C-alpha atoms as a PDB file:
ATOM      1  CA  MET A   1      95.391  88.619  81.337  1.00  0.00           C
ATOM      2  CA  GLU A   2      93.191  90.277  78.754  1.00  0.00           C
ATOM      3  CA  SER A   3      90.145  92.284  79.741  1.00  0.00           C
ATOM      4  CA  HIS A   4      87.390  94.077  77.912  1.00  0.00           C
ATOM      5  CA  ALA A   5      84.835  96.168  79.695  1.00  0.00           C
ATOM      6  CA  MET A   6      81.183  95.845  78.883  1.00  0.00           C
ATOM      7  CA  ASP A   7      78.877  98.786  79.587  1.00  0.00           C
ATOM      8  CA  ASP A   8      75.671  97.842  81.354  1.00  0.00           C
ATOM      9  CA  SER A   9      74.532 101.281  82.472  1.00  0.00           C
ATOM     10  CA  ALA A  10      70.989 102.282  81.622  1.00  0.00           C
ATOM     11  CA  SER A  11      72.181 105.608  80.231  1.00  0.00           C
ATOM     12  CA  SER A  12      74.404 104.087  77.564  1.00  0.00           C
ATOM     13  CA  LYS A  13      73.126 104.206  73.998  1.00  0.00           C
ATOM     14  CA  ASN A  14      75.024 101.005  73.203  1.00  0.00           C
ATOM     15  CA  ALA A  15      73.487  99.136  76.127  1.00  0.00           C
ATOM     16  CA  LYS A  16      70.008 100.160  75.000  1.00  0.00           C
ATOM     17  CA  THR A  17      70.502  99.071  71.411  1.00  0.00           C
ATOM     18  CA  ALA A  18      72.373  95.887  72.274  1.00  0.00           C
ATOM     19  CA  THR A  19      70.018  94.769  75.052  1.00  0.00           C
ATOM     20  CA  PRO A  20      67.378  92.264  73.952  1.00  0.00           C
ATOM     21  CA  PRO A  21      63.817  92.871  75.203  1.00  0.00           C
ATOM     22  CA  GLY A  22      63.350  91.538  78.713  1.00  0.00           C
ATOM     23  CA  ASP A  23      67.092  91.501  79.467  1.00  0.00           C
ATOM     24  CA  THR A  24      68.167  92.790  82.872  1.00  0.00           C
ATOM     25  CA  ALA A  25      71.316  94.587  81.673  1.00  0.00           C
ATOM     26  CA  ALA A  26      69.700  97.989  82.218  1.00  0.00           C
ATOM     27  CA  LYS A  27      69.067  97.035  85.869  1.00  0.00           C
ATOM     28  CA  ARG A  28      72.655  96.001  86.686  1.00  0.00           C
ATOM     29  CA  ARG A  29      74.197  97.450  89.820  1.00  0.00           C
ATOM     30  CA  SER A  30      77.800  97.524  88.566  1.00  0.00           C
ATOM     31  CA  GLN A  31      79.861  97.449  85.390  1.00  0.00           C
ATOM     32  CA  ARG A  32      80.816  94.105  83.933  1.00  0.00           C
ATOM     33  CA  VAL A  33      84.313  93.370  82.705  1.00  0.00           C
ATOM     34  CA  GLN A  34      85.170  90.477  80.394  1.00  0.00           C
ATOM     35  CA  ILE A  35      88.284  88.966  81.945  1.00  0.00           C
ATOM     36  CA  THR A  36      89.739  85.506  82.386  1.00  0.00           C
ATOM     37  CA  MET A  37      90.742  84.940  85.999  1.00  0.00           C
ATOM     38  CA  PRO A  38      91.459  81.584  87.685  1.00  0.00           C
ATOM     39  CA  ILE A  39      88.909  80.645  90.348  1.00  0.00           C
ATOM     40  CA  LEU A  40      87.950  77.660  92.491  1.00  0.00           C
ATOM     41  CA  VAL A  41      84.265  76.898  93.012  1.00  0.00           C
ATOM     42  CA  ARG A  42      83.370  74.973  96.185  1.00  0.00           C
ATOM     43  CA  GLY A  43      79.993  73.611  97.159  1.00  0.00           C
ATOM     44  CA  ASN A  44      77.834  70.629  98.013  1.00  0.00           C
ATOM     45  CA  ASN A  45      75.552  68.565  95.815  1.00  0.00           C
ATOM     46  CA  GLY A  46      73.451  66.775  98.391  1.00  0.00           C
ATOM     47  CA  GLN A  47      75.867  64.896 100.655  1.00  0.00           C
ATOM     48  CA  GLN A  48      78.685  65.151  98.101  1.00  0.00           C
ATOM     49  CA  SER A  49      81.054  68.141  98.299  1.00  0.00           C
ATOM     50  CA  PHE A  50      82.855  69.395  95.212  1.00  0.00           C
ATOM     51  CA  GLU A  51      85.713  71.687  94.224  1.00  0.00           C
ATOM     52  CA  GLU A  52      86.325  72.667  90.628  1.00  0.00           C
ATOM     53  CA  GLU A  53      88.929  74.986  89.144  1.00  0.00           C
ATOM     54  CA  THR A  54      87.720  77.112  86.258  1.00  0.00           C
ATOM     55  CA  LYS A  55      88.142  80.614  84.812  1.00  0.00           C
ATOM     56  CA  THR A  56      85.842  83.593  84.809  1.00  0.00           C
ATOM     57  CA  ALA A  57      84.266  84.882  81.625  1.00  0.00           C
ATOM     58  CA  VAL A  58      82.803  88.091  83.079  1.00  0.00           C
ATOM     59  CA  VAL A  59      83.233  89.719  86.496  1.00  0.00           C
ATOM     60  CA  ASN A  60      81.604  92.613  88.322  1.00  0.00           C
ATOM     61  CA  ALA A  61      81.427  93.920  91.881  1.00  0.00           C
ATOM     62  CA  ASN A  62      78.495  91.618  92.616  1.00  0.00           C
ATOM     63  CA  GLY A  63      79.736  88.296  91.180  1.00  0.00           C
ATOM     64  CA  CYS A  64      80.829  86.648  87.952  1.00  0.00           C
ATOM     65  CA  SER A  65      80.054  84.086  85.280  1.00  0.00           C
ATOM     66  CA  PHE A  66      82.042  81.017  84.247  1.00  0.00           C
ATOM     67  CA  LEU A  67      81.774  77.545  82.723  1.00  0.00           C
ATOM     68  CA  LEU A  68      81.461  74.587  85.096  1.00  0.00           C
ATOM     69  CA  ASP A  69      81.481  70.793  84.653  1.00  0.00           C
ATOM     70  CA  THR A  70      79.791  70.182  88.017  1.00  0.00           C
ATOM     71  CA  ARG A  71      76.002  70.388  87.959  1.00  0.00           C
ATOM     72  CA  VAL A  72      74.619  73.164  90.161  1.00  0.00           C
ATOM     73  CA  THR A  73      71.137  74.608  90.574  1.00  0.00           C
ATOM     74  CA  GLN A  74      69.835  78.148  90.740  1.00  0.00           C
ATOM     75  CA  GLY A  75      69.799  79.367  94.346  1.00  0.00           C
ATOM     76  CA  GLN A  76      72.462  76.869  95.457  1.00  0.00           C
ATOM     77  CA  GLN A  77      75.032  78.191  97.956  1.00  0.00           C
ATOM     78  CA  VAL A  78      78.666  77.962  96.803  1.00  0.00           C
ATOM     79  CA  SER A  79      81.981  79.613  97.665  1.00  0.00           C
ATOM     80  CA  LEU A  80      84.292  81.259  95.178  1.00  0.00           C
ATOM     81  CA  VAL A  81      88.062  81.395  95.679  1.00  0.00           C
ATOM     82  CA  ASN A  82      90.178  83.901  93.780  1.00  0.00           C
ATOM     83  CA  LEU A  83      93.208  81.693  93.047  1.00  0.00           C
ATOM     84  CA  LYS A  84      95.502  84.702  92.647  1.00  0.00           C
ATOM     85  CA  THR A  85      94.800  85.982  96.175  1.00  0.00           C
ATOM     86  CA  ALA A  86      93.349  82.902  97.962  1.00  0.00           C
ATOM     87  CA  GLU A  87      90.440  85.113  99.094  1.00  0.00           C
ATOM     88  CA  GLU A  88      87.152  83.210  99.435  1.00  0.00           C
ATOM     89  CA  LEU A  89      83.617  84.603  99.353  1.00  0.00           C
ATOM     90  CA  PRO A  90      80.213  82.994  99.872  1.00  0.00           C
ATOM     91  CA  CYS A  91      77.775  83.373  97.009  1.00  0.00           C
ATOM     92  CA  HIS A  92      74.720  81.794  95.461  1.00  0.00           C
ATOM     93  CA  VAL A  93      74.047  80.552  91.951  1.00  0.00           C
ATOM     94  CA  ALA A  94      71.942  83.203  90.232  1.00  0.00           C
ATOM     95  CA  PHE A  95      71.935  81.724  86.718  1.00  0.00           C
ATOM     96  CA  VAL A  96      72.471  78.319  85.104  1.00  0.00           C
ATOM     97  CA  GLY A  97      72.346  77.911  81.345  1.00  0.00           C
ATOM     98  CA  PRO A  98      73.801  75.879  78.503  1.00  0.00           C
ATOM     99  CA  GLY A  99      77.511  76.439  78.007  1.00  0.00           C
ATOM    100  CA  GLU A 100      80.041  74.717  75.774  1.00  0.00           C
ATOM    101  CA  ALA A 101      80.817  71.001  75.393  1.00  0.00           C
ATOM    102  CA  ASP A 102      78.692  69.629  78.255  1.00  0.00           C
ATOM    103  CA  ARG A 103      79.709  72.465  80.583  1.00  0.00           C
ATOM    104  CA  LEU A 104      77.174  74.779  82.173  1.00  0.00           C
ATOM    105  CA  GLU A 105      77.342  78.542  82.021  1.00  0.00           C
ATOM    106  CA  VAL A 106      76.968  79.625  85.641  1.00  0.00           C
ATOM    107  CA  GLY A 107      76.434  83.085  87.077  1.00  0.00           C
ATOM    108  CA  VAL A 108      76.984  83.643  90.793  1.00  0.00           C
ATOM    109  CA  GLU A 109      76.171  86.572  93.045  1.00  0.00           C
ATOM    110  CA  PHE A 110      78.239  87.420  96.113  1.00  0.00           C
ATOM    111  CA  ALA A 111      76.449  87.541  99.480  1.00  0.00           C
ATOM    112  CA  GLU A 112      77.635  91.190  99.643  1.00  0.00           C
ATOM    113  CA  PRO A 113      79.037  93.408  96.851  1.00  0.00           C
ATOM    114  CA  SER A 114      82.819  92.936  96.793  1.00  0.00           C
ATOM    115  CA  PRO A 115      84.471  95.060  94.103  1.00  0.00           C
ATOM    116  CA  LEU A 116      87.938  94.511  95.608  1.00  0.00           C
ATOM    117  CA  PHE A 117      87.698  90.710  95.332  1.00  0.00           C
ATOM    118  CA  TRP A 118      88.909  90.826  91.716  1.00  0.00           C
ATOM    119  CA  ARG A 119      91.773  93.302  92.308  1.00  0.00           C
ATOM    120  CA  ILE A 120      90.903  95.206  89.133  1.00  0.00           C
ATOM    121  CA  SER A 121      89.625  98.724  88.451  1.00  0.00           C
ATOM    122  CA  PHE A 122      86.119  98.836  87.071  1.00  0.00           C
ATOM    123  CA  PRO A 123      85.220 101.488  84.463  1.00  0.00           C
ATOM    124  CA  PRO A 124      83.060 104.417  85.627  1.00  0.00           C
ATOM    125  CA  GLU A 125      79.305 104.045  85.189  1.00  0.00           C
ATOM    126  CA  ASP A 126      79.205 106.615  82.371  1.00  0.00           C
ATOM    127  CA  TRP A 127      81.974 104.851  80.427  1.00  0.00           C
ATOM    128  CA  ASP A 128      81.160 104.301  76.754  1.00  0.00           C
ATOM    129  CA  PRO A 129      83.032 101.314  75.240  1.00  0.00           C
ATOM    130  CA  ALA A 130      82.451 102.697  71.732  1.00  0.00           C
ATOM    131  CA  ARG A 131      84.808 105.585  72.558  1.00  0.00           C
ATOM    132  CA  ARG A 132      87.681 103.562  74.031  1.00  0.00           C
ATOM    133  CA  LYS A 133      89.792 103.433  70.859  1.00  0.00           C
ATOM    134  CA  LEU A 134      88.950 106.769  69.301  1.00  0.00           C
ATOM    135  CA  PRO A 135      91.891 109.193  68.915  1.00  0.00           C
ATOM    136  CA  THR A 136      91.778 112.291  71.054  1.00  0.00           C
ATOM    137  CA  LYS A 137      91.001 115.546  69.259  1.00  0.00           C
ATOM    138  CA  THR A 138      94.184 117.208  70.523  1.00  0.00           C
ATOM    139  CA  GLU A 139      96.517 114.539  69.177  1.00  0.00           C
ATOM    140  CA  LYS A 140      97.285 114.566  65.457  1.00  0.00           C
ATOM    141  CA  PRO A 141      98.312 111.486  63.463  1.00  0.00           C
ATOM    142  CA  GLY A 142     102.007 110.827  64.002  1.00  0.00           C
ATOM    143  CA  ALA A 143     102.074 112.746  67.301  1.00  0.00           C
ATOM    144  CA  GLU A 144     103.052 109.596  69.180  1.00  0.00           C
ATOM    145  CA  ARG A 145     106.054 109.166  66.876  1.00  0.00           C
ATOM    146  CA  ALA A 146     107.189 112.718  67.642  1.00  0.00           C
ATOM    147  CA  ARG A 147     106.838 112.258  71.423  1.00  0.00           C
ATOM    148  CA  ILE A 148     108.710 108.939  71.650  1.00  0.00           C
ATOM    149  CA  PRO A 149     112.381 109.331  70.585  1.00  0.00           C
ATOM    150  CA  TRP A 150     112.971 105.749  69.411  1.00  0.00           C
ATOM    151  CA  LEU A 151     109.968 105.953  67.065  1.00  0.00           C
ATOM    152  CA  ARG A 152     111.252 109.072  65.222  1.00  0.00           C
ATOM    153  CA  SER A 153     113.644 107.304  62.884  1.00  0.00           C
END
């Protein structure tokens, strides 16, 4: 399972420069993490109930986004099941937009913030993704080779 954190804090320089005018990223209540996790979406379209398995694109403590074949509307009540834990939470559709190949991009918000639903650790609010792969100042090139015996050869 591959994940990449996205910084949405208002104090981040990257968030300010990467945020288009009018975007709500600066107002987000929790960090977003790009991660693919299997989920089940349950709901009703009129008298017809539906269940659809899909995968998350982005998660945070307040909800997630994903692609969905089933047509839903903004404000619609649905339930989300984490297929790894079988935990189910009520939520509502907060965003519906064009996705890929006749699928909708859907964003849902939990009825209550639930950071433990995903069973992942979210980065701290002051985390800067631009610094995640920079070498530390105390470690010199080749230091890893010296510390790990089987890399010394």
